[in-house]
Amino acid sequence: MHILFDIGGSKMRVAYTSDLKTFEDPKIVNTPDSFEEGISLFESIAKECAQGRKIEGLAGDVSGILMTDRASLYHSPNKLGWVGKPILSELKKRFDVPVCIENDAGVVGLGEAVHGAGKGHSAVMYITVSTGVGGAKIVNGEIAPHVMGFEPGHQIIDIDNTLCEKFGYQTPGTLEHLVSGSATTHRFKCKPYEIPQSDELWEILASWLGVGISNSIFHWTPDVVVLGGSMIVGDPVILVDRVEHYAKQQLGIYPQMPVFKKAELGAVGGLWGALAMIQKDKTCIIM
C-alpha cells in the first residue's frame, strides 16, 4: 500500500506497509553520498520491498534542514551531495504517487510520540543526541507547525565562548558543540563508546544537556520529554535520570516537571514516524 523510508546521514531504511498499522522488515543500506545514485538505489529497494504489489504513496524523512516547501534540502552536514537536489519531484516522477517528506528528527520524534515512549501524551518534546543534536515538538500526534524546522541543538549555551573556545570552536558554543558525539570525539580524539561509563565526562554531559533541555522546555512546555540517539540509548550513555536532575534545577518557576523518558523505537523510529504521518495524512505534501 505505502512505502515508508528513512534516509539518514549514514543509513537508508525502506519498508512496505500493507495495513497502515505496522510494516514489514525494512531493507537497510548505506546512504550514497551522491543524490543521483541514492535516488536510484532508493527506487530499486522500494520496488524490492513492494514485491510487485501496488505502491499508493511514499512517506518518510531525510537528514538535514528542508526548504519551506519540503521539496529539497537547504542544509545537510552529512550528505552535501543531496543539498539543493529535487528530492520530492524526483520521487514523484519515479513513482507517480503522493509523497510526504519531513526532517529526520521530526519524523523519529513523531514515531516516538505516537508509537513509542511518548504514546498517550499530548505535547511531546523529542531530543536526539548522536553525531549531532536534533529534535522536534509533537502536538496531538502531529509535528507542530513550523517554517524551517526545529533545531534545538543550535541553541547557544556558552554565550561568550569561554567554555567552547578551549575545545577549538570560534563561535558562541551551542548545545551540539557541547554534548554531541562528534563534539566529544573532537575534544577527546576518540569515539564516545570508548569512554567508560564510570568516567566523570558522562555526568558533565548530563549537566550540559540538562541546561539545553530546560531551555527547550521553557519554549515548548511539553508534558513529556523523550530522549533518544546513540549518546542516550547506546553504551555507555548520558543517563536520562541525571539529565532530568539537572533540568529540574533550572525549572523552579513551574509547579510541575514534564515526565522524562528514554526513546523506545531504536533504529526504526523513523519508519514508525513515517507510518504515523500516513495515519494522520495531514503533514503529507501531495503533488
Protein backbone atom coordinates (compact mmCIF):
# COMPACT_ATOMS: atom_id res chain seq x y z
CA MET A 1 0.00 0.00 0.00
CA HIS A 2 2.67 2.55 1.08
CA ILE A 3 6.43 2.77 1.19
CA LEU A 4 7.99 4.12 4.39
CA PHE A 5 11.52 5.49 4.31
CA ASP A 6 14.23 6.94 6.49
CA ILE A 7 17.11 8.45 4.51
CA GLY A 8 19.69 9.14 7.18
CA GLY A 9 23.19 10.51 7.00
CA SER A 10 24.67 7.02 7.10
CA LYS A 11 21.87 4.50 6.55
CA MET A 12 18.78 4.32 4.34
CA ARG A 13 15.86 2.26 5.66
CA VAL A 14 12.89 1.35 3.49
CA ALA A 15 9.82 -0.75 4.36
CA TYR A 16 6.39 -1.62 3.00
CA THR A 17 3.12 -1.32 4.92
CA SER A 18 0.01 -3.02 3.66
CA ASP A 19 -2.34 -2.33 6.60
CA LEU A 20 -1.17 1.10 7.86
CA LYS A 21 -0.77 -0.45 11.32
CA THR A 22 2.71 -1.95 11.10
CA PHE A 23 5.34 -2.60 8.46
CA GLU A 24 7.39 -5.46 7.09
CA ASP A 25 11.09 -5.95 7.86
CA PRO A 26 12.95 -2.98 6.38
CA LYS A 27 15.70 -3.09 3.80
CA ILE A 28 18.77 -1.30 5.17
CA VAL A 29 21.62 0.01 3.01
CA ASN A 30 24.31 2.66 3.26
CA THR A 31 23.13 6.07 2.08
CA PRO A 32 25.13 7.08 -1.01
CA ASP A 33 26.86 10.45 -0.96
CA SER A 34 25.61 11.11 -4.49
CA PHE A 35 21.97 12.18 -4.82
CA GLU A 36 21.58 10.57 -8.24
CA GLU A 37 22.99 7.28 -7.02
CA GLY A 38 20.92 7.49 -3.83
CA ILE A 39 17.58 8.08 -5.57
CA SER A 40 18.22 5.22 -8.00
CA LEU A 41 19.11 2.92 -5.10
CA PHE A 42 16.00 4.04 -3.22
CA GLU A 43 13.79 3.26 -6.22
CA SER A 44 15.33 -0.19 -6.53
CA ILE A 45 14.91 -1.22 -2.89
CA ALA A 46 11.43 0.35 -2.61
CA LYS A 47 10.25 -1.79 -5.51
CA GLU A 48 12.00 -4.77 -3.98
CA CYS A 49 10.07 -4.17 -0.74
CA ALA A 50 6.79 -3.91 -2.68
CA GLN A 51 7.38 -7.28 -4.40
CA GLY A 52 5.08 -6.38 -7.25
CA ARG A 53 2.33 -5.01 -5.01
CA LYS A 54 0.85 -1.61 -5.75
CA ILE A 55 2.56 1.42 -4.20
CA GLU A 56 -0.03 4.10 -3.37
CA GLY A 57 2.20 6.62 -1.62
CA LEU A 58 5.57 7.38 -0.05
CA ALA A 59 6.23 8.87 3.38
CA GLY A 60 9.43 9.39 5.28
CA ASP A 61 12.33 11.59 6.21
CA VAL A 62 15.68 12.87 5.05
CA SER A 63 18.60 14.04 7.15
CA GLY A 64 19.03 17.80 7.16
CA ILE A 65 17.15 21.10 7.06
CA LEU A 66 14.44 21.14 4.41
CA MET A 67 13.32 24.12 2.39
CA THR A 68 9.93 25.52 3.38
CA ASP A 69 8.16 23.61 0.58
CA ARG A 70 9.74 20.33 1.78
CA ALA A 71 10.90 19.72 -1.79
CA SER A 72 14.67 19.82 -1.24
CA LEU A 73 17.37 20.12 1.39
CA TYR A 74 18.76 23.51 2.34
CA HIS A 75 21.49 22.09 4.57
CA SER A 76 22.77 18.62 5.43
CA PRO A 77 26.17 18.31 7.13
CA ASN A 78 26.45 14.59 6.39
CA LYS A 79 25.11 14.49 2.84
CA LEU A 80 26.33 17.53 0.92
CA GLY A 81 25.62 15.80 -2.39
CA TRP A 82 21.88 15.85 -1.62
CA VAL A 83 21.65 19.57 -0.80
CA GLY A 84 19.57 21.57 -3.27
CA LYS A 85 18.58 18.49 -5.27
CA PRO A 86 14.90 17.93 -6.30
CA ILE A 87 14.15 15.11 -3.87
CA LEU A 88 10.37 15.50 -3.81
CA SER A 89 9.86 15.94 -7.54
CA GLU A 90 12.24 13.11 -8.39
CA LEU A 91 10.36 10.69 -6.13
CA LYS A 92 7.06 11.85 -7.62
CA LYS A 93 8.40 11.33 -11.14
CA ARG A 94 9.71 7.85 -10.45
CA PHE A 95 6.67 6.53 -8.55
CA ASP A 96 3.79 8.78 -9.68
CA VAL A 97 2.16 8.72 -6.22
CA PRO A 98 1.64 11.21 -3.35
CA VAL A 99 4.88 11.89 -1.47
CA CYS A 100 5.34 13.13 2.11
CA ILE A 101 8.76 14.27 3.37
CA GLU A 102 9.91 15.75 6.66
CA ASN A 103 13.14 16.25 8.61
CA ASP A 104 14.55 13.06 10.16
CA ALA A 105 14.49 14.19 13.81
CA GLY A 106 10.90 15.37 13.41
CA VAL A 107 9.75 12.08 11.96
CA VAL A 108 11.58 9.98 14.57
CA GLY A 109 10.05 12.22 17.24
CA LEU A 110 6.62 11.66 15.71
CA GLY A 111 7.21 7.93 15.82
CA GLU A 112 8.13 8.08 19.49
CA ALA A 113 5.11 10.30 20.25
CA VAL A 114 2.56 8.08 18.52
CA HIS A 115 4.03 4.58 18.82
CA GLY A 116 6.85 4.80 21.36
CA ALA A 117 7.88 6.38 24.66
CA GLY A 118 5.63 9.42 24.24
CA LYS A 119 2.47 7.47 23.50
CA GLY A 120 -0.50 8.79 25.47
CA HIS A 121 0.95 12.29 25.88
CA SER A 122 -0.43 15.29 24.03
CA ALA A 123 2.67 17.53 24.00
CA VAL A 124 5.90 15.65 23.32
CA MET A 125 9.39 17.09 23.14
CA TYR A 126 11.81 14.77 21.37
CA ILE A 127 15.56 15.38 21.54
CA THR A 128 18.12 13.14 19.85
CA VAL A 129 21.79 13.22 20.85
CA SER A 130 24.05 11.32 18.48
CA THR A 131 26.54 12.63 15.90
CA GLY A 132 24.67 15.93 16.27
CA VAL A 133 21.73 17.16 18.35
CA GLY A 134 18.24 17.48 16.86
CA GLY A 135 14.65 17.31 17.93
CA ALA A 136 11.06 18.32 17.40
CA LYS A 137 7.85 19.30 19.13
CA ILE A 138 4.93 16.92 18.59
CA VAL A 139 1.39 18.03 19.49
CA ASN A 140 -1.61 15.68 19.45
CA GLY A 141 0.15 13.16 17.23
CA GLU A 142 1.44 15.66 14.65
CA ILE A 143 4.67 17.53 14.11
CA ALA A 144 3.93 21.06 15.33
CA PRO A 145 3.60 23.70 12.59
CA HIS A 146 6.94 25.16 11.59
CA VAL A 147 8.64 27.02 8.76
CA MET A 148 12.27 25.85 8.58
CA GLY A 149 12.20 23.03 11.11
CA PHE A 150 13.25 22.60 14.73
CA GLU A 151 16.97 22.81 15.57
CA PRO A 152 17.32 22.64 19.38
CA GLY A 153 20.96 21.57 19.02
CA HIS A 154 21.83 25.02 17.68
CA GLN A 155 20.66 26.88 20.78
CA ILE A 156 23.54 28.85 22.30
CA ILE A 157 24.59 27.58 25.72
CA ASP A 158 28.08 29.08 26.05
CA ILE A 159 27.24 32.66 25.07
CA ASP A 160 30.71 34.21 25.44
CA ASN A 161 32.51 31.06 24.26
CA THR A 162 34.61 30.80 27.42
CA LEU A 163 33.95 27.08 27.59
CA CYS A 164 33.87 26.07 23.94
CA GLU A 165 36.85 28.16 22.85
CA LYS A 166 39.21 25.75 24.56
CA PHE A 167 37.57 22.94 22.57
CA GLY A 168 38.51 24.68 19.32
CA TYR A 169 35.20 26.37 18.44
CA GLN A 170 35.45 30.01 17.34
CA THR A 171 31.75 30.93 17.65
CA PRO A 172 29.38 31.04 20.65
CA GLY A 173 29.03 27.49 21.90
CA THR A 174 25.87 25.60 21.03
CA LEU A 175 24.34 22.61 22.76
CA GLU A 176 25.59 20.50 19.86
CA HIS A 177 29.14 21.81 20.40
CA LEU A 178 28.96 20.58 23.99
CA VAL A 179 27.14 17.25 24.10
CA SER A 180 27.07 15.64 20.64
CA GLY A 181 29.02 12.56 19.70
CA SER A 182 31.04 14.49 17.11
CA ALA A 183 31.93 17.17 19.68
CA THR A 184 33.00 14.52 22.17
CA THR A 185 35.18 12.85 19.54
CA HIS A 186 36.66 16.25 18.63
CA ARG A 187 37.63 17.01 22.23
CA PHE A 188 38.97 13.63 23.30
CA LYS A 189 40.24 12.23 19.98
CA CYS A 190 38.30 9.01 20.50
CA LYS A 191 34.78 7.72 19.99
CA PRO A 192 32.29 8.24 22.84
CA TYR A 193 31.77 4.49 23.18
CA GLU A 194 35.47 4.17 24.04
CA ILE A 195 35.00 6.30 27.16
CA PRO A 196 33.87 4.14 30.13
CA GLN A 197 30.57 4.86 31.87
CA SER A 198 32.50 5.47 35.09
CA ASP A 199 34.28 8.49 33.59
CA GLU A 200 33.06 11.82 35.01
CA LEU A 201 32.57 13.06 31.44
CA TRP A 202 29.12 11.42 31.29
CA GLU A 203 27.96 13.37 34.33
CA ILE A 204 29.31 16.60 32.82
CA LEU A 205 27.48 15.90 29.56
CA ALA A 206 24.28 15.24 31.53
CA SER A 207 24.62 18.62 33.28
CA TRP A 208 25.11 20.48 29.99
CA LEU A 209 22.28 18.62 28.29
CA GLY A 210 20.06 19.37 31.29
CA VAL A 211 20.53 23.10 30.66
CA GLY A 212 19.68 22.71 26.97
CA ILE A 213 16.64 20.59 27.77
CA SER A 214 15.39 23.15 30.30
CA ASN A 215 15.70 25.92 27.67
CA SER A 216 13.59 23.89 25.26
CA ILE A 217 11.06 23.11 27.99
CA PHE A 218 10.68 26.86 28.61
CA HIS A 219 9.95 27.34 24.90
CA TRP A 220 7.83 24.26 24.20
CA THR A 221 6.24 23.37 27.60
CA PRO A 222 5.77 19.65 26.90
CA ASP A 223 4.21 17.11 29.22
CA VAL A 224 6.86 14.51 28.32
CA VAL A 225 10.49 14.74 27.20
CA VAL A 226 11.72 11.79 25.14
CA LEU A 227 15.48 11.48 24.75
CA GLY A 228 16.99 9.33 22.01
CA GLY A 229 20.08 8.92 19.85
CA SER A 230 23.22 6.88 20.32
CA MET A 231 24.52 9.10 23.15
CA ILE A 232 21.34 8.28 25.12
CA VAL A 233 20.40 4.70 24.19
CA GLY A 234 23.84 3.26 23.38
CA ASP A 235 26.55 2.02 25.73
CA PRO A 236 27.97 3.98 27.53
CA VAL A 237 25.39 6.79 27.65
CA ILE A 238 24.28 10.10 29.07
CA LEU A 239 21.86 8.91 31.76
CA VAL A 240 18.31 10.21 31.39
CA ASP A 241 17.72 10.45 35.13
CA ARG A 242 20.81 12.64 35.52
CA VAL A 243 19.66 14.92 32.68
CA GLU A 244 16.31 15.19 34.44
CA HIS A 245 18.10 16.04 37.70
CA TYR A 246 19.98 18.95 36.14
CA ALA A 247 16.97 20.19 34.18
CA LYS A 248 14.93 20.36 37.38
CA GLN A 249 17.44 22.80 38.83
CA GLN A 250 16.54 25.31 36.10
CA LEU A 251 12.76 24.91 36.13
CA GLY A 252 11.73 26.14 39.55
CA ILE A 253 9.15 28.59 38.21
CA TYR A 254 6.91 25.72 37.09
CA PRO A 255 4.60 23.85 39.50
CA GLN A 256 5.45 20.52 37.89
CA MET A 257 8.02 18.93 35.61
CA PRO A 258 7.34 17.01 32.42
CA VAL A 259 8.00 13.29 32.51
CA PHE A 260 11.42 12.23 31.20
CA LYS A 261 11.68 9.02 29.14
CA LYS A 262 14.23 7.20 27.05
CA ALA A 263 13.30 6.55 23.41
CA GLU A 264 11.95 3.06 22.73
CA LEU A 265 11.85 2.52 18.96
CA GLY A 266 15.55 2.20 18.22
CA ALA A 267 16.82 2.32 14.65
CA VAL A 268 13.32 2.09 13.11
CA GLY A 269 11.87 5.14 14.84
CA GLY A 270 11.83 7.00 11.53
CA LEU A 271 9.73 4.27 9.90
CA TRP A 272 7.23 4.36 12.75
CA GLY A 273 7.10 8.12 12.35
CA ALA A 274 6.50 7.79 8.61
CA LEU A 275 3.67 5.39 9.38
CA ALA A 276 2.19 7.96 11.78
CA MET A 277 2.37 10.59 9.04
CA ILE A 278 0.26 8.44 6.76
CA GLN A 279 -2.17 7.53 9.54
CA LYS A 280 -2.81 11.23 10.18
CA ASP A 281 -2.50 12.18 6.49
CA LYS A 282 -2.21 15.89 7.31
CA THR A 283 1.51 16.56 7.14
CA CYS A 284 1.86 14.99 3.71
CA ILE A 285 2.67 17.02 0.66
CA ILE A 286 0.67 15.68 -2.27
CA MET A 287 1.99 16.71 -5.66
